[in-house]
Structure formats: structure tokens, C-alpha cells
Amino acid sequence: MKILLIFTLCLISDGGASKQVTGYSGGGVLIKCKYGAKVKRSPKYVCKGPKRDCSEQIKTAVKNEWVNSGRFSLFDDTKSSVFWVMIRALTVQDTGTYHCGVYISNGNDIHTSVELKVNEDQSYKKFIHKTVHVGGDLNVSCKYPESLRSNPKFFCKRLQNGACSYKDSVNENKKYVNKGKFSLYDDRAKQIFSVSIRDVTEQDSGEYWCGAEAAWTSGRGYKVYFTRINLTVTGFPASTVITVSVILLLFLIGIIILTVALQKRCRIQAGTASVGRHSDQTLGNDQGVSLALCDYEEMKYAEHLIYTTVIFYSSATSSNDAAPSIKDEVLCDYTSVTYTAVCG
């Protein structure tokens, strides 16, 4: 049993050498921890500090599924004899020695040491929030640290289970990638990683990360997440909102013109009635009043149309950032017309 443990320890620790991992404040890291096939069913964990007094950060016996505990996530991939550890929202205080541990019932746990150093870099944004209408495009630029200039870059979406998945990356030989509605470009001279998502849908909303692969091979390495992007996709397509706004505004203008015409008609009829009372004594009082009211029901109907149109217009454009100023003008026009129609 002792020989087996020593052999397994050599397999997972690469001769006892610890891994050097560099992260950045506000970002995250994804660390790969290998283990021997003989212990694939054992629980896995991550702890910080000396082996004899190691502070446990996350532990699980769950296989082939992401498990979350605070800022830590762990995925035990039994097919590849690897478990992944993701640490998010890094701070300088996270710097230190970590151990990828395999729990053994007799107390002889197996460890792989990882030296994590978290740097504070104020030269780039750690967090970006974007709001895009359905059918629009997301365009975002992630500036990255100098130390990651030569590393392959990727753009991933973090799922609810803790994973951050992506299908492609850009590197020195492939600086531009256009796959489906995603486009990636790495400008190494300016240290800017540009990402575009075309024709977004509400399903595209979520948490994304700009990241880099550091010394990434099949057996070792880690990933660095340096900028978090929160994407919110809302409302109707911008083109639809504009089209509906224009149509409703034209309709409202037509209603206002109709009201003004009715108002003029009212005044003409009222003037005729006044002349008729002086020239023709046979004109009854009731008829004069009727003319003076000048089709009051028609006027009230026109006012109702204006009010209904304004409210409908307001609702239809509430998701458009530019709509409130237009809506205010329409409401002012409506108020003045109504006042003139009733009191003028």
C-alpha cells in the first residue's frame, strides 16, 4: 500500500515540484490537478497553507459535475483523472500555497502543491457592464496585463454550474477568429483583446470572461480570467422600436390635426349661430345652444383618441433609451390641445 501511495504521489506531483500560478486582483484562475487512476473514486479538495495545518476551501465526493463553495468551484473529471479548481474574485490576500488534495481514509492524503501569486494591476478594467437590445451587437474590448501578451486569449460564458465554456481561442499564429456570431481579435501591440457577438438574443444574457491560457498543455498549466463582462439583453430590437415610434407619432400628429380642424369648425358654427339669433328671431334657443356646443361629442372623441395614442406610444417606447424626451413633448402637445378644445 505504501509503495502504491508513493507511486501515485509521483504521478500527480511531477516529482514534487509545485506549480506556479499567477492571477490578477478582481479576476480568477482555473487550476488543473492530476491524480492517479487508483484514487479516482476518492473525495477531492483544495486547502490553503502548510500541509499539517491546511485550511480547507472546498471538498466534494461528487464526480463529473461542478460543485461550488463561495468563490471556489471544483470539477472532478474521472475520465481524465483530473480535477479542476476555479477561484474567482481574487484579491492580493489570496496569495499563498494551496494544495490539491485527494482524501485517503487512513489519513495519508495525497497533495499537489500550487503556489498562487495575485498581482494588483490598475492598467485595465476588471469589470464591464453592457446592455444591448435584442438583435443588436455586443462589442467589447478587454485590455490585459503585459505579462499575458504572448498567451492565447479566449472569451467564455460562465454557466450556472460554475463552468466557463468556450470553443476557440486566438494566439500568435491565429490572431483573428470568426466563428458563428462570435468574433475574436488580439491586438498584441496595444494589449487589447476585442470580442464581438452579433445579433444577440435574450439567451445571450449572462456573465462572460476575457481570459488567457497560461503554459497550457495536456498535463499541466492554468487559465487566467482578467476581465468580467455582464451582458444584459433587453426589449425589442432597436429597429422595431424606432419603426413603431415613428408610426405612432405620425398617427398622433394626424389626430392633433383632426382636433384643430374640429375646433375651427366649432368656432365657425358658433359664429353663424350668433348671427342667426340677431337676423332670424325664429331660431330656437335649444338649437343655438346645440350649435354653440359644436359637436361636443366629436370633440370629446378626438380627445379620447389623443389620450389613448399617447398612452400606447408611451408603453411601446418605454424600452428605448431615447424615448422619454419624445414622449414628454407629445404629452405637452396633448395637454395644450385638450385645454384649447375644452376652454378655448
Protein backbone atom coordinates (compact mmCIF):
# COMPACT_ATOMS: atom_id res chain seq x y z
CA MET A 1 0.00 0.00 0.00
CA LYS A 2 2.84 2.37 0.87
CA ILE A 3 4.54 1.72 -2.49
CA LEU A 4 1.25 2.44 -4.30
CA LEU A 5 0.86 5.75 -2.50
CA ILE A 6 4.40 6.83 -3.33
CA PHE A 7 3.90 5.88 -6.99
CA THR A 8 0.59 7.79 -7.15
CA LEU A 9 2.12 10.83 -5.48
CA CYS A 10 4.87 10.93 -8.10
CA LEU A 11 2.26 10.79 -10.86
CA ILE A 12 0.28 13.76 -9.61
CA SER A 13 3.07 15.98 -8.31
CA ASP A 14 5.54 15.72 -11.21
CA GLY A 15 8.39 14.75 -8.92
CA GLY A 16 7.29 17.03 -6.05
CA ALA A 17 7.66 20.36 -7.86
CA SER A 18 4.87 22.85 -7.09
CA LYS A 19 3.04 24.71 -9.82
CA GLN A 20 3.49 28.45 -10.16
CA VAL A 21 0.20 30.22 -10.86
CA THR A 22 -0.21 33.99 -11.40
CA GLY A 23 -3.57 35.69 -11.16
CA TYR A 24 -4.79 39.29 -11.05
CA SER A 25 -6.90 41.11 -8.49
CA GLY A 26 -10.58 41.10 -9.41
CA GLY A 27 -10.13 38.20 -11.84
CA GLY A 28 -9.86 34.45 -11.43
CA VAL A 29 -7.79 31.36 -12.15
CA LEU A 30 -8.58 27.82 -13.26
CA ILE A 31 -6.07 25.24 -12.00
CA LYS A 32 -5.69 21.69 -13.29
CA CYS A 33 -4.85 19.00 -10.71
CA LYS A 34 -3.92 15.49 -11.93
CA TYR A 35 -4.22 12.31 -9.89
CA GLY A 36 -3.71 8.58 -10.35
CA ALA A 37 -6.43 6.28 -11.67
CA LYS A 38 -6.36 4.24 -8.44
CA VAL A 39 -7.83 7.12 -6.43
CA LYS A 40 -10.39 8.45 -8.90
CA ARG A 41 -13.28 7.48 -6.59
CA SER A 42 -11.83 9.26 -3.58
CA PRO A 43 -13.10 12.71 -2.50
CA LYS A 44 -11.14 15.72 -3.76
CA TYR A 45 -10.48 19.03 -2.02
CA VAL A 46 -8.43 22.22 -2.03
CA CYS A 47 -6.84 23.77 1.05
CA LYS A 48 -4.56 26.71 1.76
CA GLY A 49 -1.49 26.85 3.99
CA PRO A 50 1.01 24.27 5.34
CA LYS A 51 0.03 20.62 4.85
CA ARG A 52 -0.22 19.96 8.58
CA ASP A 53 -2.45 22.98 9.17
CA CYS A 54 -4.16 23.36 5.81
CA SER A 55 -7.36 25.43 5.73
CA GLU A 56 -9.94 23.62 3.59
CA GLN A 57 -11.57 25.83 0.90
CA ILE A 58 -13.73 23.27 -0.91
CA LYS A 59 -14.23 19.49 -0.72
CA THR A 60 -16.53 17.10 -2.60
CA ALA A 61 -17.07 13.45 -3.43
CA VAL A 62 -19.30 14.36 -6.40
CA LYS A 63 -17.94 13.18 -9.76
CA ASN A 64 -18.13 14.78 -13.22
CA GLU A 65 -20.15 17.75 -12.00
CA TRP A 66 -19.25 21.26 -10.89
CA VAL A 67 -19.57 21.90 -7.15
CA ASN A 68 -19.50 25.47 -5.79
CA SER A 69 -18.46 26.79 -2.41
CA GLY A 70 -18.20 30.57 -2.17
CA ARG A 71 -15.53 31.77 -4.58
CA PHE A 72 -14.29 28.22 -5.20
CA SER A 73 -15.61 25.68 -7.72
CA LEU A 74 -14.38 22.11 -8.27
CA PHE A 75 -14.98 19.61 -11.05
CA ASP A 76 -13.69 16.02 -10.71
CA ASP A 77 -13.23 14.57 -14.21
CA THR A 78 -12.86 10.83 -13.57
CA LYS A 79 -12.43 10.02 -17.27
CA SER A 80 -9.24 12.08 -17.49
CA SER A 81 -8.11 11.56 -13.85
CA VAL A 82 -8.06 15.35 -13.42
CA PHE A 83 -9.94 17.73 -11.18
CA TRP A 84 -10.32 21.42 -11.92
CA VAL A 85 -10.38 24.20 -9.38
CA MET A 86 -11.67 27.69 -10.18
CA ILE A 87 -11.09 30.64 -7.83
CA ARG A 88 -12.99 33.86 -8.58
CA ALA A 89 -12.85 37.48 -7.34
CA LEU A 90 -9.17 37.21 -6.45
CA THR A 91 -7.51 39.62 -4.03
CA VAL A 92 -3.86 40.12 -3.12
CA GLN A 93 -4.61 38.34 0.17
CA ASP A 94 -5.29 35.14 -1.80
CA THR A 95 -1.56 34.85 -2.50
CA GLY A 96 -0.11 31.73 -0.89
CA THR A 97 0.38 27.97 -1.06
CA TYR A 98 -2.58 25.78 -2.00
CA HIS A 99 -2.86 22.01 -2.12
CA CYS A 100 -4.93 19.90 -4.50
CA GLY A 101 -5.84 17.08 -2.17
CA VAL A 102 -7.08 13.51 -2.59
CA TYR A 103 -8.67 12.16 0.57
CA ILE A 104 -7.41 8.76 1.75
CA SER A 105 -9.28 7.01 4.56
CA ASN A 106 -6.17 6.09 6.54
CA GLY A 107 -5.08 9.72 6.77
CA ASN A 108 -2.33 9.58 4.14
CA ASP A 109 -3.91 12.19 1.85
CA ILE A 110 -2.23 12.93 -1.44
CA HIS A 111 -1.35 16.58 -2.23
CA THR A 112 -0.17 18.57 -5.23
CA SER A 113 1.24 21.95 -4.21
CA VAL A 114 0.28 25.13 -6.08
CA GLU A 115 1.95 28.49 -5.44
CA LEU A 116 -0.56 31.24 -6.24
CA LYS A 117 0.56 34.83 -6.63
CA VAL A 118 -2.10 37.52 -7.10
CA ASN A 119 -0.89 40.79 -8.66
CA GLU A 120 -2.63 44.15 -8.41
CA ASP A 121 -2.80 45.78 -11.86
CA GLN A 122 -4.69 49.06 -12.32
CA SER A 123 -3.93 49.45 -16.03
CA TYR A 124 -7.16 47.83 -17.25
CA LYS A 125 -10.85 47.46 -16.33
CA LYS A 126 -11.72 44.47 -14.17
CA PHE A 127 -15.48 44.71 -14.78
CA ILE A 128 -17.61 45.85 -17.75
CA HIS A 129 -21.41 46.03 -17.91
CA LYS A 130 -23.18 46.09 -21.29
CA THR A 131 -26.88 46.41 -22.15
CA VAL A 132 -27.91 45.51 -25.73
CA HIS A 133 -31.34 45.31 -27.40
CA VAL A 134 -32.40 42.02 -28.98
CA GLY A 135 -30.95 41.84 -32.50
CA GLY A 136 -28.14 44.25 -31.69
CA ASP A 137 -24.40 43.58 -31.44
CA LEU A 138 -22.11 43.38 -28.43
CA ASN A 139 -18.67 44.92 -28.95
CA VAL A 140 -16.26 44.92 -26.04
CA SER A 141 -12.51 45.47 -25.66
CA CYS A 142 -10.57 43.83 -22.81
CA LYS A 143 -7.18 45.33 -22.06
CA TYR A 144 -4.87 42.80 -20.45
CA PRO A 145 -1.61 42.84 -18.41
CA GLU A 146 1.77 42.94 -20.13
CA SER A 147 2.66 39.50 -18.76
CA LEU A 148 -0.17 37.91 -20.81
CA ARG A 149 0.81 39.48 -24.13
CA SER A 150 2.08 36.25 -25.72
CA ASN A 151 -0.56 33.92 -24.22
CA PRO A 152 -3.56 32.61 -26.23
CA LYS A 153 -6.75 34.55 -25.41
CA PHE A 154 -10.30 33.25 -25.07
CA PHE A 155 -13.81 34.53 -24.35
CA CYS A 156 -16.06 32.29 -22.27
CA LYS A 157 -19.54 32.31 -20.75
CA ARG A 158 -19.86 31.21 -17.16
CA LEU A 159 -22.72 28.77 -16.68
CA GLN A 160 -24.79 28.37 -13.53
CA ASN A 161 -22.91 25.20 -12.61
CA GLY A 162 -19.61 27.09 -12.36
CA ALA A 163 -18.04 26.20 -15.70
CA CYS A 164 -16.81 28.89 -18.10
CA SER A 165 -17.01 27.37 -21.56
CA TYR A 166 -15.57 28.47 -24.90
CA LYS A 167 -14.95 26.84 -28.27
CA ASP A 168 -11.94 28.68 -29.66
CA SER A 169 -9.05 30.99 -28.78
CA VAL A 170 -6.67 33.33 -30.59
CA ASN A 171 -2.90 33.01 -30.47
CA GLU A 172 0.26 34.22 -32.19
CA ASN A 173 -0.49 32.23 -35.35
CA LYS A 174 -4.24 32.90 -35.33
CA LYS A 175 -4.85 36.47 -34.17
CA TYR A 176 -8.40 36.66 -35.55
CA VAL A 177 -11.26 34.16 -35.23
CA ASN A 178 -14.75 34.45 -36.75
CA LYS A 179 -16.97 31.54 -35.73
CA GLY A 180 -20.75 31.75 -35.97
CA LYS A 181 -21.82 35.05 -34.45
CA PHE A 182 -18.63 35.37 -32.38
CA SER A 183 -15.52 37.27 -33.46
CA LEU A 184 -12.23 37.46 -31.54
CA TYR A 185 -9.17 39.61 -32.23
CA ASP A 186 -5.96 40.02 -30.22
CA ASP A 187 -4.03 43.25 -30.80
CA ARG A 188 -0.80 42.41 -29.01
CA ALA A 189 0.82 45.75 -29.80
CA LYS A 190 -1.90 47.56 -27.79
CA GLN A 191 -2.58 44.65 -25.41
CA ILE A 192 -6.29 44.70 -26.30
CA PHE A 193 -8.44 41.62 -26.79
CA SER A 194 -11.59 42.55 -28.78
CA VAL A 195 -14.78 40.50 -28.80
CA SER A 196 -17.97 40.82 -30.85
CA ILE A 197 -21.28 38.95 -30.60
CA ARG A 198 -23.68 39.65 -33.48
CA ASP A 199 -27.48 39.52 -33.45
CA VAL A 200 -27.81 38.86 -29.71
CA THR A 201 -30.85 37.17 -28.15
CA GLU A 202 -32.16 37.18 -24.59
CA GLN A 203 -30.46 33.79 -24.10
CA ASP A 204 -27.09 35.53 -24.58
CA SER A 205 -27.55 37.44 -21.31
CA GLY A 206 -25.16 36.36 -18.57
CA GLU A 207 -21.64 36.50 -17.15
CA TYR A 208 -18.68 36.35 -19.54
CA TRP A 209 -14.91 36.45 -19.04
CA CYS A 210 -11.94 37.54 -21.12
CA GLY A 211 -9.11 35.16 -20.31
CA ALA A 212 -5.74 33.73 -21.27
CA GLU A 213 -4.22 30.25 -21.31
CA ALA A 214 -1.01 30.19 -19.28
CA ALA A 215 1.54 27.45 -20.06
CA TRP A 216 -1.42 25.32 -21.07
CA THR A 217 -0.63 21.71 -22.08
CA SER A 218 -2.48 18.42 -21.76
CA GLY A 219 -0.78 17.65 -18.44
CA ARG A 220 -0.45 20.98 -16.68
CA GLY A 221 -0.99 24.70 -16.87
CA TYR A 222 -3.77 27.03 -15.82
CA LYS A 223 -6.12 29.70 -17.16
CA VAL A 224 -6.30 33.33 -16.11
CA TYR A 225 -9.54 35.34 -16.14
CA PHE A 226 -8.74 39.06 -16.21
CA THR A 227 -11.98 40.92 -17.14
CA ARG A 228 -15.59 40.06 -16.27
CA ILE A 229 -18.39 41.22 -18.60
CA ASN A 230 -22.04 41.23 -17.54
CA LEU A 231 -24.29 41.27 -20.60
CA THR A 232 -27.98 42.18 -20.35
CA VAL A 233 -30.13 41.73 -23.46
CA THR A 234 -33.48 43.51 -23.22
CA GLY A 235 -36.61 44.54 -25.09
CA PHE A 236 -37.46 44.57 -28.76
CA PRO A 237 -34.89 45.11 -31.50
CA ALA A 238 -33.91 48.78 -31.70
CA SER A 239 -35.11 48.97 -35.32
CA THR A 240 -38.57 47.74 -34.31
CA VAL A 241 -38.85 50.30 -31.51
CA ILE A 242 -37.90 53.12 -33.89
CA THR A 243 -40.37 51.97 -36.55
CA VAL A 244 -43.25 51.67 -34.08
CA SER A 245 -42.37 55.07 -32.59
CA VAL A 246 -42.45 56.78 -35.99
CA ILE A 247 -45.78 55.20 -36.96
CA LEU A 248 -47.43 56.11 -33.67
CA LEU A 249 -46.03 59.63 -33.76
CA LEU A 250 -47.43 60.17 -37.27
CA PHE A 251 -50.78 58.82 -36.15
CA LEU A 252 -50.75 61.18 -33.16
CA ILE A 253 -49.98 64.15 -35.40
CA GLY A 254 -52.96 63.20 -37.56
CA ILE A 255 -55.24 63.12 -34.52
CA ILE A 256 -53.99 66.56 -33.43
CA ILE A 257 -54.69 67.98 -36.91
CA LEU A 258 -58.20 66.49 -36.78
CA THR A 259 -58.80 68.12 -33.41
CA VAL A 260 -57.63 71.53 -34.66
CA ALA A 261 -59.97 71.21 -37.67
CA LEU A 262 -62.89 70.36 -35.39
CA GLN A 263 -62.03 73.34 -33.21
CA LYS A 264 -62.15 75.70 -36.21
CA ARG A 265 -65.45 74.17 -37.29
CA CYS A 266 -66.78 74.74 -33.77
CA ARG A 267 -65.90 78.42 -33.87
CA ILE A 268 -67.38 78.92 -37.36
CA GLN A 269 -70.65 77.24 -36.35
CA ALA A 270 -70.78 79.22 -33.11
CA GLY A 271 -70.31 82.47 -35.10
CA THR A 272 -73.05 81.51 -37.54
CA ALA A 273 -75.40 80.72 -34.68
CA SER A 274 -74.71 84.13 -33.12
CA VAL A 275 -75.50 85.95 -36.39
CA GLY A 276 -78.62 83.84 -36.86
CA ARG A 277 -80.02 84.85 -33.46
CA HIS A 278 -79.81 88.54 -34.45
CA SER A 279 -81.14 88.16 -38.01
CA ASP A 280 -83.75 85.46 -37.54
CA GLN A 281 -85.88 85.69 -34.38
CA THR A 282 -87.42 82.31 -35.23
CA LEU A 283 -84.16 80.48 -34.26
CA GLY A 284 -84.95 78.49 -31.12
CA ASN A 285 -82.80 78.75 -28.02
CA ASP A 286 -82.18 74.98 -27.97
CA GLN A 287 -80.85 74.99 -31.50
CA GLY A 288 -78.49 77.86 -30.71
CA VAL A 289 -77.12 76.01 -27.71
CA SER A 290 -76.62 72.93 -29.86
CA LEU A 291 -74.61 74.92 -32.38
CA ALA A 292 -72.62 76.63 -29.63
CA LEU A 293 -71.61 73.27 -28.20
CA CYS A 294 -70.34 72.50 -31.74
CA ASP A 295 -70.49 68.78 -31.82
CA TYR A 296 -69.20 68.37 -28.28
CA GLU A 297 -69.27 64.57 -28.58
CA GLU A 298 -66.98 64.69 -31.61
CA MET A 299 -64.52 66.84 -29.69
CA LYS A 300 -64.50 64.51 -26.69
CA TYR A 301 -63.95 61.54 -29.02
CA ALA A 302 -60.95 63.27 -30.58
CA GLU A 303 -59.54 63.99 -27.12
CA HIS A 304 -60.02 60.33 -26.22
CA LEU A 305 -58.09 59.26 -29.33
CA ILE A 306 -55.20 61.57 -28.41
CA TYR A 307 -55.07 60.28 -24.83
CA THR A 308 -55.18 56.63 -25.93
CA THR A 309 -52.46 57.19 -28.53
CA VAL A 310 -50.15 58.94 -26.04
CA ILE A 311 -50.50 56.12 -23.51
CA PHE A 312 -49.94 53.43 -26.17
CA TYR A 313 -46.95 55.36 -27.54
CA SER A 314 -45.51 55.66 -24.04
CA SER A 315 -45.79 51.90 -23.44
CA ALA A 316 -44.37 50.95 -26.83
CA THR A 317 -41.26 53.12 -26.41
CA SER A 318 -40.57 52.55 -22.70
CA SER A 319 -37.66 50.19 -23.50
CA ASN A 320 -35.98 52.72 -25.79
CA ASP A 321 -33.39 54.93 -24.06
CA ALA A 322 -34.19 57.87 -26.36
CA ALA A 323 -37.98 57.68 -25.94
CA PRO A 324 -38.62 59.73 -22.74
CA SER A 325 -37.72 63.11 -24.30
CA ILE A 326 -40.00 62.47 -27.30
CA LYS A 327 -42.79 61.24 -25.01
CA ASP A 328 -42.60 64.37 -22.86
CA GLU A 329 -43.05 66.58 -25.94
CA VAL A 330 -46.08 64.55 -27.05
CA LEU A 331 -47.69 64.79 -23.62
CA CYS A 332 -47.17 68.57 -23.62
CA ASP A 333 -48.82 68.84 -27.05
CA TYR A 334 -51.72 66.74 -25.84
CA THR A 335 -52.25 68.92 -22.75
CA SER A 336 -52.28 72.15 -24.74
CA VAL A 337 -54.68 70.79 -27.37
CA THR A 338 -57.06 69.43 -24.73
CA TYR A 339 -57.06 72.74 -22.88
CA THR A 340 -57.83 74.65 -26.09
CA ALA A 341 -60.59 72.24 -27.15
CA VAL A 342 -62.46 72.43 -23.83
CA CYS A 343 -61.83 76.04 -22.79
CA GLY A 344 -60.74 77.92 -25.92
